[in-house]
Every structure is written in C-alpha cells, then in structure tokens.
C-alpha cells in the first residue's frame, strides 16, 4: 500500500482533484501578498484580506480532498465551476486565450475527476457489492459510520 493511500482514504481521482483545486488557492494567496506589497489603494486592507481569506478557504477545500474529507467535494466543485467561467471569459471576451484555456481545462478536469465512478463511490461510502442507489438508501458514509457504531460494543 502506497503512503498516499495510508494518509488519505480517498481514491486517486479525488486526490488529483485536490491538487488541482490547490492551484487557484495558491494564486489567490499570491495575489493578496502581491497587493499588500505593491498596492496603494485606499481600501488596501480590505482587498488584501479578501484575497487572503478566499485563498485560504480554497486551500482548505483542497486539503480536505487530499486528506479524504467528503465535505470538501461540494465547495471544490463550486471553485471548479467558477474556474471554468473565469477561463471562458478570459479566453473569449477578454481575448486572453493563453491564460483562459489552461484555467478552463483545470476547472473541467476537477469536475470530471470528482464525478468519476470511484469518486462517487467514495463520497457515497459505497461497498464493493452494492449499487449507488443502495448506498444512498443506506445513508452513504454517515450510514456506514452509524452501522459501525451500532455493531461495535461500547469500549468505555
């Protein structure tokens, strides 16, 4: 078993999506730092704070995916869809294809990775022998945790 599999229970696709989600987080933090160093706006503190808080939040979502936390999937999908929109606008109306196309590809890649079969099975807590519908009816990951607590004797 690889070290990454020991650290994170998430499938490889989810961890890759976490790495791709970290890129805009680092970019937002870098923009905040760059503004702090070179900015002269009267609202400089607010601008810097906005980019830093947003960047840290995106990095938290990326870390959640990397460490196999199911809560990070939805906000990471939102970030990816925003990236697709930003990339489309940069490539189309702004005529900045050099920046827009890679941004758009990164966003699409995260969406595809988080909707692959292994990623869906992970977020549902699906057992190897059951279908997605059965896992959803059982309650997914929370249902599996409740079953485990019910089956294990109290160790107090």
Protein backbone atom coordinates (compact mmCIF):
# COMPACT_ATOMS: atom_id res chain seq x y z
CA UNK A 1 0.00 0.00 0.00
CA UNK A 2 1.37 3.39 -1.01
CA UNK A 3 1.95 6.12 1.55
CA UNK A 4 -0.72 8.31 -0.06
CA UNK A 5 -3.29 5.52 0.38
CA UNK A 6 -2.41 5.25 4.08
CA UNK A 7 -2.77 9.01 4.62
CA UNK A 8 -5.98 9.50 2.65
CA UNK A 9 -8.92 7.13 2.24
CA UNK A 10 -9.95 8.99 -0.91
CA UNK A 11 -9.41 7.47 -4.35
CA UNK A 12 -6.60 8.73 -6.56
CA UNK A 13 -9.00 10.85 -8.67
CA UNK A 14 -10.11 12.80 -5.61
CA UNK A 15 -6.52 13.44 -4.54
CA UNK A 16 -5.69 14.69 -8.05
CA UNK A 17 -8.71 16.98 -7.89
CA UNK A 18 -7.38 18.26 -4.56
CA UNK A 19 -4.05 19.10 -6.14
CA UNK A 20 -5.76 20.95 -8.99
CA UNK A 21 -8.04 22.78 -6.53
CA UNK A 22 -4.98 23.98 -4.62
CA UNK A 23 -3.68 25.90 -7.64
CA UNK A 24 -6.29 28.70 -7.57
CA UNK A 25 -5.93 28.83 -3.78
CA UNK A 26 -2.21 29.49 -4.09
CA UNK A 27 -2.89 32.01 -6.85
CA UNK A 28 -5.35 33.92 -4.64
CA UNK A 29 -2.88 34.00 -1.75
CA UNK A 30 -0.15 35.20 -4.13
CA UNK A 31 -2.44 37.96 -5.43
CA UNK A 32 -3.16 39.03 -1.85
CA UNK A 33 0.53 39.16 -0.98
CA UNK A 34 1.36 40.99 -4.20
CA UNK A 35 -1.33 43.57 -3.47
CA UNK A 36 -0.05 44.00 0.07
CA UNK A 37 3.45 44.71 -1.20
CA UNK A 38 2.67 46.91 -4.21
CA UNK A 39 -0.85 48.25 -3.62
CA UNK A 40 -1.71 51.88 -3.00
CA UNK A 41 -5.48 51.68 -2.86
CA UNK A 42 -7.35 53.43 -0.04
CA UNK A 43 -9.11 50.09 0.56
CA UNK A 44 -5.89 48.08 0.50
CA UNK A 45 -6.54 46.22 3.76
CA UNK A 46 -9.96 45.10 2.56
CA UNK A 47 -8.63 43.96 -0.82
CA UNK A 48 -5.71 42.07 0.67
CA UNK A 49 -7.95 40.48 3.30
CA UNK A 50 -10.47 39.41 0.66
CA UNK A 51 -7.90 37.60 -1.47
CA UNK A 52 -6.16 36.00 1.50
CA UNK A 53 -9.38 34.74 3.12
CA UNK A 54 -10.68 33.42 -0.18
CA UNK A 55 -7.33 31.78 -0.96
CA UNK A 56 -7.13 30.11 2.44
CA UNK A 57 -10.71 28.83 2.05
CA UNK A 58 -9.91 27.31 -1.35
CA UNK A 59 -6.73 25.77 0.08
CA UNK A 60 -8.81 24.29 2.92
CA UNK A 61 -11.08 22.65 0.34
CA UNK A 62 -8.04 21.29 -1.49
CA UNK A 63 -6.59 19.93 1.75
CA UNK A 64 -9.96 18.34 2.54
CA UNK A 65 -9.90 16.47 -0.75
CA UNK A 66 -6.27 15.46 -0.30
CA UNK A 67 -7.00 14.04 3.17
CA UNK A 68 -10.21 12.29 2.11
CA UNK A 69 -12.83 14.52 3.73
CA UNK A 70 -16.17 14.24 1.93
CA UNK A 71 -17.28 17.74 2.99
CA UNK A 72 -14.69 19.24 0.61
CA UNK A 73 -16.26 17.84 -2.56
CA UNK A 74 -19.10 20.35 -2.99
CA UNK A 75 -17.12 23.55 -2.36
CA UNK A 76 -14.35 22.23 -4.60
CA UNK A 77 -16.91 21.69 -7.36
CA UNK A 78 -18.09 25.28 -6.93
CA UNK A 79 -14.49 26.52 -7.22
CA UNK A 80 -14.01 24.39 -10.35
CA UNK A 81 -17.17 25.77 -11.98
CA UNK A 82 -16.05 29.32 -11.20
CA UNK A 83 -12.70 28.48 -12.82
CA UNK A 84 -14.49 27.31 -15.95
CA UNK A 85 -16.37 30.62 -16.11
CA UNK A 86 -13.25 32.69 -15.47
CA UNK A 87 -11.34 30.71 -18.09
CA UNK A 88 -14.12 31.10 -20.63
CA UNK A 89 -14.28 34.85 -20.06
CA UNK A 90 -10.50 35.21 -20.29
CA UNK A 91 -10.32 33.12 -23.48
CA UNK A 92 -13.37 34.63 -25.16
CA UNK A 93 -14.39 38.23 -24.48
CA UNK A 94 -11.04 39.24 -22.98
CA UNK A 95 -9.05 37.66 -25.81
CA UNK A 96 -6.50 36.20 -23.36
CA UNK A 97 -6.50 32.57 -24.54
CA UNK A 98 -3.03 31.95 -23.15
CA UNK A 99 -4.44 32.34 -19.63
CA UNK A 100 -8.06 31.37 -20.19
CA UNK A 101 -7.69 27.97 -21.81
CA UNK A 102 -5.46 26.41 -19.08
CA UNK A 103 -7.73 27.84 -16.38
CA UNK A 104 -10.77 26.39 -18.11
CA UNK A 105 -9.07 23.00 -18.58
CA UNK A 106 -8.13 22.86 -14.88
CA UNK A 107 -11.74 23.58 -13.86
CA UNK A 108 -13.14 20.97 -16.24
CA UNK A 109 -10.59 18.41 -15.04
CA UNK A 110 -11.66 18.87 -11.41
CA UNK A 111 -15.33 18.44 -12.33
CA UNK A 112 -14.58 15.29 -14.34
CA UNK A 113 -12.35 13.83 -11.60
CA UNK A 114 -14.94 14.42 -8.88
CA UNK A 115 -17.71 12.77 -10.92
CA UNK A 116 -15.84 9.62 -11.91
CA UNK A 117 -17.22 6.30 -10.64
CA UNK A 118 -14.57 5.83 -7.91
CA UNK A 119 -15.12 9.38 -6.63
CA UNK A 120 -18.88 8.91 -6.46
CA UNK A 121 -18.48 5.55 -4.71
CA UNK A 122 -16.14 7.16 -2.17
CA UNK A 123 -18.46 10.02 -1.34
CA UNK A 124 -21.41 7.63 -1.01
CA UNK A 125 -19.46 5.20 1.15
CA UNK A 126 -20.41 2.52 -1.36
CA UNK A 127 -19.45 -1.07 -0.60
CA UNK A 128 -17.96 -3.17 -3.41
CA UNK A 129 -21.08 -5.33 -3.79
CA UNK A 130 -23.75 -2.62 -3.68
CA UNK A 131 -25.08 -0.16 -6.24
CA UNK A 132 -25.06 3.62 -5.86
CA UNK A 133 -28.80 3.57 -5.17
CA UNK A 134 -28.38 1.05 -2.33
CA UNK A 135 -25.54 3.09 -0.83
CA UNK A 136 -27.66 6.25 -0.99
CA UNK A 137 -30.62 4.49 0.64
CA UNK A 138 -28.36 3.20 3.41
CA UNK A 139 -27.20 6.75 4.08
CA UNK A 140 -23.80 6.69 2.42
CA UNK A 141 -20.77 7.42 4.55
CA UNK A 142 -22.83 8.55 7.54
CA UNK A 143 -24.94 5.38 7.29
CA UNK A 144 -21.80 3.25 7.25
CA UNK A 145 -20.45 5.08 10.32
CA UNK A 146 -23.76 4.62 12.15
CA UNK A 147 -23.75 0.89 11.32
CA UNK A 148 -20.18 0.56 12.58
CA UNK A 149 -21.06 2.31 15.86
CA UNK A 150 -24.13 0.10 16.26
CA UNK A 151 -22.23 -3.14 15.56
CA UNK A 152 -19.20 -2.40 17.78
CA UNK A 153 -19.59 -2.88 21.53
CA UNK A 154 -19.12 0.17 23.70
CA UNK A 155 -15.46 0.30 24.80
CA UNK A 156 -15.84 2.59 27.78
